[in-house]
N, C-alpha and C. Protein backbone atom coordinates (compact mmCIF):
# COMPACT_ATOMS: atom_id res chain seq x y z
N UNK A 1 -101.76 2.45 21.08
CA UNK A 1 -101.36 3.41 20.08
C UNK A 1 -102.23 3.25 18.83
N UNK A 2 -102.51 4.36 18.19
CA UNK A 2 -103.26 4.30 16.94
C UNK A 2 -102.36 3.81 15.82
N UNK A 3 -102.97 3.47 14.70
CA UNK A 3 -102.23 3.03 13.51
C UNK A 3 -101.19 4.08 13.12
N UNK A 4 -101.60 5.31 13.03
CA UNK A 4 -100.69 6.40 12.65
C UNK A 4 -99.56 6.54 13.66
N UNK A 5 -99.86 6.46 14.93
CA UNK A 5 -98.82 6.59 15.95
C UNK A 5 -97.79 5.47 15.84
N UNK A 6 -98.24 4.26 15.54
CA UNK A 6 -97.32 3.14 15.36
C UNK A 6 -96.41 3.38 14.15
N UNK A 7 -97.00 3.85 13.07
CA UNK A 7 -96.22 4.11 11.85
C UNK A 7 -95.19 5.22 12.10
N UNK A 8 -95.61 6.28 12.77
CA UNK A 8 -94.70 7.38 13.06
C UNK A 8 -93.60 6.95 14.03
N UNK A 9 -93.95 6.07 14.98
CA UNK A 9 -92.96 5.58 15.94
C UNK A 9 -91.84 4.83 15.21
N UNK A 10 -92.21 4.01 14.24
CA UNK A 10 -91.18 3.30 13.49
C UNK A 10 -90.35 4.28 12.65
N UNK A 11 -90.99 5.25 12.07
CA UNK A 11 -90.24 6.23 11.27
C UNK A 11 -89.21 6.97 12.13
N UNK A 12 -89.57 7.30 13.34
CA UNK A 12 -88.62 7.96 14.25
C UNK A 12 -87.52 6.98 14.65
N UNK A 13 -87.89 5.73 14.90
CA UNK A 13 -86.90 4.70 15.25
C UNK A 13 -85.90 4.50 14.11
N UNK A 14 -86.40 4.52 12.89
CA UNK A 14 -85.55 4.32 11.71
C UNK A 14 -84.52 5.45 11.56
N UNK A 15 -84.77 6.59 12.17
CA UNK A 15 -83.81 7.69 12.12
C UNK A 15 -82.45 7.24 12.67
N UNK A 16 -82.47 6.24 13.55
CA UNK A 16 -81.22 5.73 14.14
C UNK A 16 -80.31 5.10 13.08
N UNK A 17 -80.88 4.73 11.93
CA UNK A 17 -80.06 4.13 10.87
C UNK A 17 -79.01 5.12 10.35
N UNK A 18 -79.28 6.40 10.51
CA UNK A 18 -78.33 7.42 10.08
C UNK A 18 -77.05 7.40 10.92
N UNK A 19 -77.12 6.78 12.10
CA UNK A 19 -75.95 6.73 12.99
C UNK A 19 -75.18 5.41 12.86
N UNK A 20 -75.67 4.48 12.04
CA UNK A 20 -74.98 3.20 11.84
C UNK A 20 -73.95 3.38 10.73
N UNK A 21 -72.69 3.35 11.11
CA UNK A 21 -71.63 3.60 10.14
C UNK A 21 -71.17 2.31 9.48
N UNK A 22 -70.87 2.42 8.21
CA UNK A 22 -70.36 1.31 7.41
C UNK A 22 -68.84 1.47 7.30
N UNK A 23 -68.17 0.60 6.58
CA UNK A 23 -66.71 0.66 6.46
C UNK A 23 -66.24 1.49 5.27
N UNK A 24 -67.17 1.87 4.41
CA UNK A 24 -66.81 2.57 3.18
C UNK A 24 -66.97 4.07 3.34
N UNK A 25 -66.05 4.80 2.80
CA UNK A 25 -66.12 6.27 2.84
C UNK A 25 -66.90 6.77 1.62
N UNK A 26 -67.53 7.92 1.79
CA UNK A 26 -68.27 8.49 0.68
C UNK A 26 -67.30 9.22 -0.24
N UNK A 27 -67.60 9.23 -1.51
CA UNK A 27 -66.70 9.83 -2.50
C UNK A 27 -66.56 11.34 -2.31
N UNK A 28 -67.66 12.01 -2.00
CA UNK A 28 -67.62 13.47 -1.93
C UNK A 28 -66.83 13.98 -0.72
N UNK A 29 -66.62 13.12 0.30
CA UNK A 29 -65.88 13.50 1.50
C UNK A 29 -65.14 12.26 1.98
N UNK A 30 -64.00 12.01 1.42
CA UNK A 30 -63.26 10.78 1.68
C UNK A 30 -62.91 10.60 3.16
N UNK A 31 -63.14 11.63 3.97
CA UNK A 31 -62.85 11.53 5.40
C UNK A 31 -64.03 10.95 6.18
N UNK A 32 -65.21 10.90 5.58
CA UNK A 32 -66.41 10.49 6.32
C UNK A 32 -66.90 9.12 5.86
N UNK A 33 -67.21 8.28 6.84
CA UNK A 33 -67.79 6.98 6.53
C UNK A 33 -69.25 7.13 6.11
N UNK A 34 -69.65 6.28 5.21
CA UNK A 34 -71.06 6.22 4.78
C UNK A 34 -71.88 5.63 5.93
N UNK A 35 -73.14 6.09 6.07
CA UNK A 35 -74.02 5.45 7.04
C UNK A 35 -75.02 4.55 6.31
N UNK A 36 -75.68 3.69 7.06
CA UNK A 36 -76.56 2.70 6.44
C UNK A 36 -77.78 3.32 5.78
N UNK A 37 -78.26 4.45 6.28
CA UNK A 37 -79.40 5.12 5.64
C UNK A 37 -79.01 5.62 4.25
N UNK A 38 -77.82 6.19 4.15
CA UNK A 38 -77.33 6.66 2.84
C UNK A 38 -77.18 5.49 1.88
N UNK A 39 -76.64 4.41 2.38
CA UNK A 39 -76.45 3.21 1.54
C UNK A 39 -77.79 2.71 1.01
N UNK A 40 -78.78 2.60 1.89
CA UNK A 40 -80.10 2.10 1.48
C UNK A 40 -80.73 2.99 0.41
N UNK A 41 -80.63 4.28 0.59
CA UNK A 41 -81.17 5.22 -0.40
C UNK A 41 -80.44 5.05 -1.74
N UNK A 42 -79.12 4.94 -1.68
CA UNK A 42 -78.36 4.89 -2.93
C UNK A 42 -78.60 3.61 -3.71
N UNK A 43 -78.70 2.46 -3.01
CA UNK A 43 -78.94 1.22 -3.74
C UNK A 43 -80.38 1.16 -4.27
N UNK A 44 -81.32 1.82 -3.59
CA UNK A 44 -82.69 1.88 -4.10
C UNK A 44 -82.72 2.68 -5.41
N UNK A 45 -82.01 3.78 -5.44
CA UNK A 45 -81.92 4.58 -6.67
C UNK A 45 -81.17 3.80 -7.75
N UNK A 46 -80.16 3.08 -7.34
CA UNK A 46 -79.40 2.24 -8.27
C UNK A 46 -80.33 1.24 -8.96
N UNK A 47 -81.26 0.66 -8.21
CA UNK A 47 -82.21 -0.30 -8.79
C UNK A 47 -83.02 0.33 -9.91
N UNK A 48 -83.48 1.54 -9.69
CA UNK A 48 -84.25 2.23 -10.72
C UNK A 48 -83.43 2.47 -11.98
N UNK A 49 -82.16 2.80 -11.78
CA UNK A 49 -81.31 3.14 -12.92
C UNK A 49 -80.78 1.92 -13.67
N UNK A 50 -80.61 0.80 -12.96
CA UNK A 50 -79.96 -0.36 -13.55
C UNK A 50 -80.90 -1.54 -13.79
N UNK A 51 -82.19 -1.32 -13.67
CA UNK A 51 -83.18 -2.39 -13.83
C UNK A 51 -82.96 -3.22 -15.10
N UNK A 52 -82.59 -2.58 -16.18
CA UNK A 52 -82.43 -3.28 -17.46
C UNK A 52 -81.33 -4.35 -17.43
N UNK A 53 -80.48 -4.32 -16.39
CA UNK A 53 -79.38 -5.26 -16.30
C UNK A 53 -79.70 -6.48 -15.43
N UNK A 54 -80.91 -6.57 -14.92
CA UNK A 54 -81.31 -7.74 -14.14
C UNK A 54 -81.35 -8.97 -15.05
N UNK A 55 -81.02 -10.12 -14.51
CA UNK A 55 -81.05 -11.35 -15.31
C UNK A 55 -82.44 -11.70 -15.80
N UNK A 56 -83.43 -11.38 -15.00
CA UNK A 56 -84.83 -11.66 -15.34
C UNK A 56 -85.64 -10.39 -15.15
N UNK A 57 -86.79 -10.31 -15.79
CA UNK A 57 -87.66 -9.16 -15.51
C UNK A 57 -88.01 -9.14 -14.02
N UNK A 58 -87.98 -7.95 -13.43
CA UNK A 58 -88.27 -7.81 -12.00
C UNK A 58 -89.36 -6.76 -11.78
N UNK A 59 -90.06 -6.91 -10.68
CA UNK A 59 -90.98 -5.88 -10.21
C UNK A 59 -90.11 -4.85 -9.50
N UNK A 60 -89.79 -3.78 -10.20
CA UNK A 60 -88.80 -2.82 -9.69
C UNK A 60 -89.29 -2.13 -8.42
N UNK A 61 -90.60 -1.93 -8.29
CA UNK A 61 -91.11 -1.33 -7.05
C UNK A 61 -90.81 -2.25 -5.86
N UNK A 62 -90.93 -3.54 -6.07
CA UNK A 62 -90.62 -4.50 -5.01
C UNK A 62 -89.14 -4.49 -4.68
N UNK A 63 -88.29 -4.40 -5.68
CA UNK A 63 -86.85 -4.34 -5.45
C UNK A 63 -86.51 -3.10 -4.64
N UNK A 64 -87.09 -1.97 -5.01
CA UNK A 64 -86.83 -0.71 -4.30
C UNK A 64 -87.29 -0.84 -2.84
N UNK A 65 -88.47 -1.41 -2.61
CA UNK A 65 -88.94 -1.61 -1.23
C UNK A 65 -87.95 -2.45 -0.45
N UNK A 66 -87.50 -3.55 -1.05
CA UNK A 66 -86.54 -4.42 -0.37
C UNK A 66 -85.27 -3.66 0.00
N UNK A 67 -84.78 -2.88 -0.93
CA UNK A 67 -83.53 -2.16 -0.68
C UNK A 67 -83.70 -1.05 0.36
N UNK A 68 -84.88 -0.48 0.42
CA UNK A 68 -85.11 0.56 1.43
C UNK A 68 -85.24 -0.01 2.84
N UNK A 69 -85.67 -1.27 2.95
CA UNK A 69 -85.84 -1.84 4.29
C UNK A 69 -84.75 -2.84 4.67
N UNK A 70 -83.92 -3.28 3.73
CA UNK A 70 -83.02 -4.40 4.01
C UNK A 70 -82.05 -4.15 5.15
N UNK A 71 -81.63 -2.93 5.38
CA UNK A 71 -80.66 -2.66 6.43
C UNK A 71 -81.28 -2.03 7.68
N UNK A 72 -82.58 -1.90 7.74
CA UNK A 72 -83.23 -1.34 8.93
C UNK A 72 -82.81 -2.12 10.17
N UNK A 73 -82.59 -3.42 10.01
CA UNK A 73 -82.20 -4.28 11.14
C UNK A 73 -80.88 -3.85 11.77
N UNK A 74 -80.08 -3.11 11.05
CA UNK A 74 -78.79 -2.68 11.57
C UNK A 74 -78.93 -1.70 12.73
N UNK A 75 -80.12 -1.16 12.93
CA UNK A 75 -80.37 -0.31 14.09
C UNK A 75 -80.06 -1.09 15.36
N UNK A 76 -80.48 -2.35 15.41
CA UNK A 76 -80.22 -3.20 16.57
C UNK A 76 -78.98 -4.08 16.38
N UNK A 77 -78.80 -4.61 15.18
CA UNK A 77 -77.76 -5.61 14.95
C UNK A 77 -76.41 -5.02 14.53
N UNK A 78 -76.39 -3.75 14.14
CA UNK A 78 -75.17 -3.15 13.64
C UNK A 78 -74.87 -3.61 12.22
N UNK A 79 -73.90 -2.97 11.61
CA UNK A 79 -73.49 -3.34 10.26
C UNK A 79 -72.40 -4.39 10.36
N UNK A 80 -72.55 -5.47 9.65
CA UNK A 80 -71.54 -6.52 9.62
C UNK A 80 -70.73 -6.36 8.34
N UNK A 81 -69.43 -6.19 8.52
CA UNK A 81 -68.53 -6.04 7.38
C UNK A 81 -68.57 -7.32 6.57
N UNK A 82 -68.83 -7.22 5.29
CA UNK A 82 -69.06 -8.36 4.42
C UNK A 82 -67.88 -9.34 4.41
N UNK A 83 -66.68 -8.87 4.74
CA UNK A 83 -65.50 -9.74 4.74
C UNK A 83 -65.18 -10.31 6.13
N UNK A 84 -65.98 -9.96 7.14
CA UNK A 84 -65.75 -10.43 8.51
C UNK A 84 -66.51 -11.74 8.72
N UNK A 85 -65.87 -12.85 8.44
CA UNK A 85 -66.52 -14.15 8.50
C UNK A 85 -66.88 -14.55 9.93
N UNK A 86 -66.14 -14.09 10.91
CA UNK A 86 -66.44 -14.41 12.31
C UNK A 86 -67.74 -13.70 12.74
N UNK A 87 -67.86 -12.43 12.42
CA UNK A 87 -69.07 -11.67 12.78
C UNK A 87 -70.29 -12.21 12.04
N UNK A 88 -70.08 -12.73 10.86
CA UNK A 88 -71.19 -13.25 10.05
C UNK A 88 -71.88 -14.44 10.72
N UNK A 89 -71.16 -15.13 11.61
CA UNK A 89 -71.74 -16.31 12.27
C UNK A 89 -72.95 -15.97 13.12
N UNK A 90 -72.94 -14.81 13.76
CA UNK A 90 -74.08 -14.40 14.61
C UNK A 90 -74.99 -13.40 13.93
N UNK A 91 -74.63 -12.96 12.75
CA UNK A 91 -75.37 -11.92 12.04
C UNK A 91 -76.82 -12.33 11.78
N UNK A 92 -77.05 -13.52 11.27
CA UNK A 92 -78.40 -13.93 10.88
C UNK A 92 -79.35 -13.90 12.06
N UNK A 93 -78.95 -14.46 13.18
CA UNK A 93 -79.81 -14.50 14.36
C UNK A 93 -80.06 -13.10 14.90
N UNK A 94 -79.02 -12.28 14.97
CA UNK A 94 -79.17 -10.91 15.45
C UNK A 94 -80.11 -10.10 14.57
N UNK A 95 -79.99 -10.28 13.27
CA UNK A 95 -80.83 -9.54 12.33
C UNK A 95 -82.28 -10.01 12.37
N UNK A 96 -82.50 -11.30 12.55
CA UNK A 96 -83.88 -11.80 12.67
C UNK A 96 -84.59 -11.21 13.88
N UNK A 97 -83.88 -11.14 15.00
CA UNK A 97 -84.46 -10.54 16.22
C UNK A 97 -84.78 -9.07 15.98
N UNK A 98 -83.84 -8.38 15.33
CA UNK A 98 -84.04 -6.96 15.05
C UNK A 98 -85.23 -6.74 14.12
N UNK A 99 -85.34 -7.58 13.09
CA UNK A 99 -86.45 -7.45 12.14
C UNK A 99 -87.79 -7.66 12.85
N UNK A 100 -87.86 -8.66 13.72
CA UNK A 100 -89.10 -8.93 14.45
C UNK A 100 -89.47 -7.74 15.33
N UNK A 101 -88.49 -7.17 16.02
CA UNK A 101 -88.79 -6.02 16.88
C UNK A 101 -89.21 -4.80 16.08
N UNK A 102 -88.42 -4.46 15.08
CA UNK A 102 -88.67 -3.22 14.35
C UNK A 102 -89.96 -3.27 13.54
N UNK A 103 -90.14 -4.32 12.75
CA UNK A 103 -91.36 -4.40 11.95
C UNK A 103 -92.57 -4.70 12.84
N UNK A 104 -92.31 -5.24 14.02
CA UNK A 104 -93.37 -5.48 14.99
C UNK A 104 -93.92 -4.20 15.61
N UNK A 105 -93.24 -3.10 15.40
CA UNK A 105 -93.73 -1.80 15.90
C UNK A 105 -94.92 -1.31 15.08
N UNK A 106 -95.04 -1.80 13.87
CA UNK A 106 -96.09 -1.34 12.94
C UNK A 106 -97.42 -2.03 13.22
N UNK A 107 -98.51 -1.50 12.66
CA UNK A 107 -99.77 -2.24 12.67
C UNK A 107 -99.51 -3.63 12.08
N UNK A 108 -100.14 -4.66 12.62
CA UNK A 108 -99.81 -6.06 12.33
C UNK A 108 -99.69 -6.37 10.84
N UNK A 109 -100.69 -6.06 10.03
CA UNK A 109 -100.63 -6.45 8.61
C UNK A 109 -99.50 -5.74 7.88
N UNK A 110 -99.23 -4.50 8.26
CA UNK A 110 -98.15 -3.76 7.62
C UNK A 110 -96.79 -4.31 8.08
N UNK A 111 -96.66 -4.57 9.34
CA UNK A 111 -95.43 -5.14 9.87
C UNK A 111 -95.15 -6.52 9.28
N UNK A 112 -96.21 -7.34 9.18
CA UNK A 112 -96.05 -8.68 8.61
C UNK A 112 -95.61 -8.61 7.15
N UNK A 113 -96.16 -7.65 6.41
CA UNK A 113 -95.80 -7.49 5.00
C UNK A 113 -94.32 -7.12 4.85
N UNK A 114 -93.86 -6.17 5.65
CA UNK A 114 -92.47 -5.76 5.54
C UNK A 114 -91.51 -6.84 6.05
N UNK A 115 -91.93 -7.55 7.09
CA UNK A 115 -91.10 -8.65 7.60
C UNK A 115 -90.96 -9.75 6.54
N UNK A 116 -92.06 -10.07 5.87
CA UNK A 116 -92.02 -11.08 4.81
C UNK A 116 -91.11 -10.61 3.66
N UNK A 117 -91.19 -9.35 3.31
CA UNK A 117 -90.35 -8.78 2.26
C UNK A 117 -88.88 -8.84 2.66
N UNK A 118 -88.60 -8.53 3.93
CA UNK A 118 -87.23 -8.59 4.44
C UNK A 118 -86.71 -10.03 4.37
N UNK A 119 -87.52 -10.99 4.80
CA UNK A 119 -87.12 -12.41 4.74
C UNK A 119 -86.89 -12.85 3.29
N UNK A 120 -87.72 -12.38 2.38
CA UNK A 120 -87.54 -12.73 0.97
C UNK A 120 -86.20 -12.21 0.45
N UNK A 121 -85.88 -10.98 0.83
CA UNK A 121 -84.60 -10.40 0.42
C UNK A 121 -83.44 -11.23 0.97
N UNK A 122 -83.52 -11.57 2.25
CA UNK A 122 -82.44 -12.34 2.88
C UNK A 122 -82.28 -13.72 2.26
N UNK A 123 -83.39 -14.36 1.88
CA UNK A 123 -83.33 -15.70 1.29
C UNK A 123 -82.73 -15.66 -0.12
N UNK A 124 -82.87 -14.54 -0.81
CA UNK A 124 -82.28 -14.33 -2.14
C UNK A 124 -82.67 -15.42 -3.14
N UNK A 125 -83.94 -15.80 -3.15
CA UNK A 125 -84.41 -16.83 -4.09
C UNK A 125 -85.20 -16.23 -5.26
N UNK A 126 -85.93 -15.15 -5.01
CA UNK A 126 -86.74 -14.54 -6.07
C UNK A 126 -85.85 -13.67 -6.97
N UNK A 127 -86.27 -13.44 -8.21
CA UNK A 127 -85.49 -12.55 -9.09
C UNK A 127 -85.29 -11.16 -8.48
N UNK A 128 -86.32 -10.66 -7.78
CA UNK A 128 -86.22 -9.33 -7.16
C UNK A 128 -85.15 -9.32 -6.08
N UNK A 129 -85.15 -10.35 -5.23
CA UNK A 129 -84.17 -10.42 -4.15
C UNK A 129 -82.76 -10.61 -4.70
N UNK A 130 -82.63 -11.44 -5.71
CA UNK A 130 -81.30 -11.67 -6.29
C UNK A 130 -80.75 -10.40 -6.93
N UNK A 131 -81.61 -9.67 -7.62
CA UNK A 131 -81.15 -8.41 -8.23
C UNK A 131 -80.82 -7.40 -7.14
N UNK A 132 -81.67 -7.30 -6.12
CA UNK A 132 -81.40 -6.39 -5.01
C UNK A 132 -80.09 -6.72 -4.30
N UNK A 133 -79.85 -8.00 -4.07
CA UNK A 133 -78.60 -8.42 -3.43
C UNK A 133 -77.40 -8.06 -4.30
N UNK A 134 -77.54 -8.21 -5.61
CA UNK A 134 -76.46 -7.85 -6.52
C UNK A 134 -76.10 -6.38 -6.37
N UNK A 135 -77.10 -5.54 -6.32
CA UNK A 135 -76.86 -4.10 -6.18
C UNK A 135 -76.27 -3.77 -4.82
N UNK A 136 -76.75 -4.46 -3.79
CA UNK A 136 -76.26 -4.25 -2.42
C UNK A 136 -74.77 -4.57 -2.33
N UNK A 137 -74.31 -5.53 -3.10
CA UNK A 137 -72.89 -5.89 -3.12
C UNK A 137 -72.08 -4.95 -4.02
N UNK A 138 -72.68 -4.51 -5.11
CA UNK A 138 -71.96 -3.68 -6.08
C UNK A 138 -71.66 -2.27 -5.55
N UNK A 139 -72.61 -1.67 -4.85
CA UNK A 139 -72.45 -0.26 -4.46
C UNK A 139 -71.21 -0.02 -3.60
N UNK A 140 -70.94 -0.82 -2.57
CA UNK A 140 -69.72 -0.56 -1.79
C UNK A 140 -68.44 -0.69 -2.62
N UNK A 141 -68.45 -1.58 -3.60
CA UNK A 141 -67.27 -1.72 -4.44
C UNK A 141 -67.08 -0.48 -5.32
N UNK A 142 -68.19 0.07 -5.81
CA UNK A 142 -68.08 1.30 -6.60
C UNK A 142 -67.49 2.43 -5.76
N UNK A 143 -67.92 2.51 -4.50
CA UNK A 143 -67.36 3.54 -3.62
C UNK A 143 -65.88 3.27 -3.36
N UNK A 144 -65.53 2.01 -3.18
CA UNK A 144 -64.12 1.68 -2.96
C UNK A 144 -63.27 2.08 -4.16
N UNK A 145 -63.73 1.77 -5.34
CA UNK A 145 -62.99 2.12 -6.55
C UNK A 145 -62.83 3.64 -6.65
N UNK A 146 -63.84 4.37 -6.23
CA UNK A 146 -63.80 5.83 -6.34
C UNK A 146 -63.15 6.52 -5.15
N UNK A 147 -62.65 5.72 -4.20
CA UNK A 147 -61.87 6.27 -3.09
C UNK A 147 -60.52 5.53 -3.01
N UNK A 148 -60.03 5.12 -4.17
CA UNK A 148 -58.73 4.45 -4.29
C UNK A 148 -58.60 3.22 -3.39
N UNK A 149 -59.68 2.45 -3.30
CA UNK A 149 -59.66 1.20 -2.55
C UNK A 149 -59.60 1.36 -1.04
N UNK A 150 -60.09 2.47 -0.54
CA UNK A 150 -59.95 2.82 0.88
C UNK A 150 -60.27 1.67 1.83
N UNK A 151 -61.46 1.13 1.76
CA UNK A 151 -61.86 0.09 2.71
C UNK A 151 -61.09 -1.21 2.48
N UNK A 152 -60.85 -1.56 1.24
CA UNK A 152 -60.08 -2.76 0.94
C UNK A 152 -58.66 -2.64 1.52
N UNK A 153 -58.04 -1.49 1.29
CA UNK A 153 -56.67 -1.28 1.77
C UNK A 153 -56.62 -1.29 3.29
N UNK A 154 -57.57 -0.60 3.94
CA UNK A 154 -57.59 -0.53 5.41
C UNK A 154 -57.76 -1.89 6.06
N UNK A 155 -58.45 -2.79 5.39
CA UNK A 155 -58.75 -4.10 5.98
C UNK A 155 -57.97 -5.25 5.33
N UNK A 156 -57.06 -4.92 4.43
CA UNK A 156 -56.20 -5.93 3.83
C UNK A 156 -56.95 -6.98 3.02
N UNK A 157 -57.93 -6.55 2.25
CA UNK A 157 -58.76 -7.47 1.47
C UNK A 157 -58.02 -7.88 0.19
N UNK A 158 -58.11 -9.16 -0.14
CA UNK A 158 -57.46 -9.67 -1.34
C UNK A 158 -58.44 -9.72 -2.51
N UNK A 159 -57.89 -9.81 -3.70
CA UNK A 159 -58.71 -9.97 -4.90
C UNK A 159 -59.56 -11.23 -4.77
N UNK A 160 -58.96 -12.31 -4.30
CA UNK A 160 -59.69 -13.57 -4.16
C UNK A 160 -60.88 -13.42 -3.20
N UNK A 161 -60.66 -12.74 -2.08
CA UNK A 161 -61.77 -12.51 -1.13
C UNK A 161 -62.89 -11.71 -1.81
N UNK A 162 -62.51 -10.65 -2.49
CA UNK A 162 -63.51 -9.78 -3.12
C UNK A 162 -64.30 -10.54 -4.18
N UNK A 163 -63.62 -11.37 -4.96
CA UNK A 163 -64.32 -12.15 -5.98
C UNK A 163 -65.24 -13.19 -5.35
N UNK A 164 -64.77 -13.86 -4.32
CA UNK A 164 -65.56 -14.90 -3.67
C UNK A 164 -66.80 -14.32 -2.99
N UNK A 165 -66.59 -13.32 -2.17
CA UNK A 165 -67.70 -12.73 -1.40
C UNK A 165 -68.75 -12.09 -2.33
N UNK A 166 -68.30 -11.52 -3.40
CA UNK A 166 -69.22 -10.79 -4.27
C UNK A 166 -69.72 -11.58 -5.47
N UNK A 167 -69.37 -12.84 -5.56
CA UNK A 167 -69.81 -13.67 -6.69
C UNK A 167 -71.33 -13.82 -6.75
N UNK A 168 -72.02 -13.54 -5.65
CA UNK A 168 -73.48 -13.60 -5.62
C UNK A 168 -74.11 -12.60 -6.58
N UNK A 169 -73.35 -11.62 -6.99
CA UNK A 169 -73.86 -10.62 -7.94
C UNK A 169 -74.36 -11.31 -9.21
N UNK A 170 -73.66 -12.37 -9.61
CA UNK A 170 -74.00 -13.06 -10.86
C UNK A 170 -75.44 -13.58 -10.85
N UNK A 171 -75.96 -13.99 -9.70
CA UNK A 171 -77.32 -14.51 -9.63
C UNK A 171 -78.35 -13.45 -10.00
N UNK A 172 -78.04 -12.20 -9.73
CA UNK A 172 -78.97 -11.12 -10.03
C UNK A 172 -78.71 -10.44 -11.36
N UNK A 173 -77.43 -10.44 -11.78
CA UNK A 173 -77.09 -9.76 -13.03
C UNK A 173 -75.73 -10.22 -13.54
N UNK A 174 -75.74 -10.99 -14.61
CA UNK A 174 -74.47 -11.41 -15.19
C UNK A 174 -73.73 -10.20 -15.77
N UNK A 175 -74.46 -9.23 -16.27
CA UNK A 175 -73.83 -8.01 -16.80
C UNK A 175 -73.05 -7.29 -15.71
N UNK A 176 -73.69 -7.12 -14.54
CA UNK A 176 -73.01 -6.43 -13.44
C UNK A 176 -71.87 -7.28 -12.86
N UNK A 177 -72.01 -8.60 -12.90
CA UNK A 177 -70.93 -9.47 -12.42
C UNK A 177 -69.73 -9.37 -13.36
N UNK A 178 -69.96 -9.36 -14.66
CA UNK A 178 -68.85 -9.20 -15.61
C UNK A 178 -68.13 -7.88 -15.35
N UNK A 179 -68.90 -6.82 -15.14
CA UNK A 179 -68.32 -5.51 -14.86
C UNK A 179 -67.53 -5.55 -13.55
N UNK A 180 -68.10 -6.20 -12.54
CA UNK A 180 -67.46 -6.29 -11.23
C UNK A 180 -66.11 -6.98 -11.32
N UNK A 181 -66.06 -8.09 -12.04
CA UNK A 181 -64.79 -8.83 -12.17
C UNK A 181 -63.70 -7.96 -12.80
N UNK A 182 -64.07 -7.23 -13.83
CA UNK A 182 -63.11 -6.34 -14.49
C UNK A 182 -62.67 -5.24 -13.53
N UNK A 183 -63.63 -4.67 -12.80
CA UNK A 183 -63.35 -3.59 -11.86
C UNK A 183 -62.41 -4.09 -10.75
N UNK A 184 -62.67 -5.29 -10.23
CA UNK A 184 -61.84 -5.82 -9.13
C UNK A 184 -60.43 -6.15 -9.61
N UNK A 185 -60.31 -6.71 -10.80
CA UNK A 185 -58.98 -7.02 -11.33
C UNK A 185 -58.18 -5.73 -11.56
N UNK A 186 -58.85 -4.69 -12.02
CA UNK A 186 -58.19 -3.39 -12.20
C UNK A 186 -57.76 -2.83 -10.84
N UNK A 187 -58.61 -2.99 -9.83
CA UNK A 187 -58.26 -2.52 -8.47
C UNK A 187 -57.05 -3.28 -7.93
N UNK A 188 -56.97 -4.56 -8.22
CA UNK A 188 -55.81 -5.35 -7.79
C UNK A 188 -54.54 -4.89 -8.51
N UNK A 189 -54.67 -4.61 -9.80
CA UNK A 189 -53.53 -4.11 -10.58
C UNK A 189 -53.00 -2.78 -10.02
N UNK A 190 -53.90 -1.99 -9.45
CA UNK A 190 -53.51 -0.71 -8.86
C UNK A 190 -53.00 -0.85 -7.43
N UNK A 191 -53.06 -2.08 -6.90
CA UNK A 191 -52.56 -2.32 -5.55
C UNK A 191 -53.58 -2.07 -4.45
N UNK A 192 -54.85 -1.89 -4.80
CA UNK A 192 -55.89 -1.62 -3.81
C UNK A 192 -56.40 -2.90 -3.16
N UNK A 193 -56.23 -4.02 -3.86
CA UNK A 193 -56.56 -5.33 -3.31
C UNK A 193 -55.28 -6.16 -3.33
N UNK A 194 -55.11 -6.96 -2.29
CA UNK A 194 -53.90 -7.81 -2.23
C UNK A 194 -53.93 -8.86 -3.31
């Protein structure tokens, strides 16, 4: 296959991300679950809008790239509900295999670059990855708050679980973590979190 054919093949493969459903419903149609492609687009836009709230200066183009590719692995591995600790045990290995296959479809140097970026995001050590991870955790909570706690209520999530699982937000943005804590406590007061 030519370079262009490899790139186009991955783009067509990535179309499958539109069929990977998450646990959160979209605000505009509370009856429909969000898909992973929508989530990736929204958190990438979120990065552009909220860059000023990162704990450290970040290369925002790099953050956006990370957020656009971070869930591509869900084509093979599926979406793992952040509160499902049992599913999380096999998530890392499943996602690594998926990343190798999917980014391996590209011309070698391009695939290697995206695979390295994906690994950097997963490791969450760089300021860009930490900020990206913060946004990745914040967006589903914003949707939950705007759908009266739909996913939290359906899965019986407690305030303690939400605070524990999402505490990683603080590494990327103390401002967003402070906001998150207030938002979660308000959701608990409304009965949306146990």
